[in-house]
Amino acid sequence: MRALCLITVKPGKVDTVVEILKKKRKILKQIMVVAGRADISVLLQGNIDEINNMVIDFKKIKDIVTTETLIEVEVNMGW
């Protein structure tokens, strides 16, 4: 299962948070600094419990303000 976590951080703290996230490589597959409503986008891959625990762990990082997690779903489009 894959998920995309959109992370908003305190002003000026993007680099600090990215360095912290780089140390959490168990299910974290990619870190991207992005423009838009989020500051950082993280691609996670694991089972639902691993993803849930990682997002809970993100909330413990003091410079993270909010997270929004988008969970991949499989849909049969009939193509």
Protein backbone atom coordinates (compact mmCIF):
# COMPACT_ATOMS: atom_id res chain seq x y z
CA MET A 1 0.00 0.00 0.00
CA ARG A 2 1.21 3.50 -0.79
CA ALA A 3 0.30 6.86 0.69
CA LEU A 4 1.26 10.45 0.07
CA CYS A 5 1.64 12.63 3.15
CA LEU A 6 1.45 16.39 2.65
CA ILE A 7 3.28 18.23 5.42
CA THR A 8 3.09 21.91 6.37
CA VAL A 9 5.92 23.24 8.54
CA LYS A 10 6.69 26.41 10.48
CA PRO A 11 8.23 29.21 8.39
CA GLY A 12 11.93 28.69 7.75
CA LYS A 13 11.93 25.11 9.04
CA VAL A 14 11.67 23.11 5.78
CA ASP A 15 15.36 22.12 5.74
CA THR A 16 15.29 21.12 9.41
CA VAL A 17 12.23 18.90 8.94
CA VAL A 18 13.63 17.32 5.76
CA GLU A 19 16.81 16.34 7.64
CA ILE A 20 14.72 14.74 10.42
CA LEU A 21 12.58 12.88 7.86
CA LYS A 22 15.67 11.52 6.06
CA LYS A 23 16.47 9.53 9.21
CA LYS A 24 13.07 7.76 9.11
CA ARG A 25 13.72 5.55 6.10
CA LYS A 26 11.83 2.36 7.09
CA ILE A 27 8.71 2.95 4.94
CA LEU A 28 9.53 6.45 3.73
CA LYS A 29 10.40 6.12 0.03
CA GLN A 30 10.73 9.69 -1.19
CA ILE A 31 10.82 13.22 0.24
CA MET A 32 9.96 16.19 -1.95
CA VAL A 33 9.98 19.87 -1.08
CA VAL A 34 6.93 21.23 -2.93
CA ALA A 35 5.15 24.49 -3.67
CA GLY A 36 1.45 24.85 -2.88
CA ARG A 37 -0.59 24.34 0.25
CA ALA A 38 2.02 21.92 1.64
CA ASP A 39 5.75 22.45 2.10
CA ILE A 40 6.90 18.82 1.95
CA SER A 41 5.42 15.74 0.30
CA VAL A 42 6.46 12.28 1.49
CA LEU A 43 5.77 9.01 -0.32
CA LEU A 44 5.21 6.13 2.11
CA GLN A 45 5.00 2.44 1.28
CA GLY A 46 3.95 -0.22 3.77
CA ASN A 47 0.88 -1.72 5.35
CA ILE A 48 -1.84 0.48 6.83
CA ASP A 49 -0.48 0.12 10.38
CA GLU A 50 3.04 1.11 9.32
CA ILE A 51 1.72 4.14 7.46
CA ASN A 52 -0.47 5.13 10.40
CA ASN A 53 2.41 4.81 12.87
CA MET A 54 4.71 6.87 10.62
CA VAL A 55 2.15 9.69 10.34
CA ILE A 56 1.67 9.64 14.11
CA ASP A 57 5.47 9.85 14.42
CA PHE A 58 5.47 12.89 12.10
CA LYS A 59 3.14 14.66 14.55
CA LYS A 60 5.88 14.42 17.21
CA ILE A 61 8.21 16.65 15.16
CA LYS A 62 7.80 20.09 16.74
CA ASP A 63 8.26 22.08 13.52
CA ILE A 64 5.46 20.25 11.67
CA VAL A 65 2.21 22.24 11.79
CA THR A 66 -0.18 19.95 9.87
CA THR A 67 -0.24 16.74 7.87
CA GLU A 68 -2.71 15.41 5.32
CA THR A 69 -2.40 11.79 4.24
CA LEU A 70 -3.71 10.54 0.92
CA ILE A 71 -4.02 6.74 0.83
CA GLU A 72 -3.83 5.00 -2.54
CA VAL A 73 -6.89 2.93 -3.40
CA GLU A 74 -7.35 0.40 -6.17
CA VAL A 75 -10.31 1.11 -8.40
CA ASN A 76 -11.42 -1.02 -11.33
CA MET A 77 -12.16 1.57 -14.03
CA GLY A 78 -13.11 -1.15 -16.52
CA TRP A 79 -10.42 -0.12 -18.99
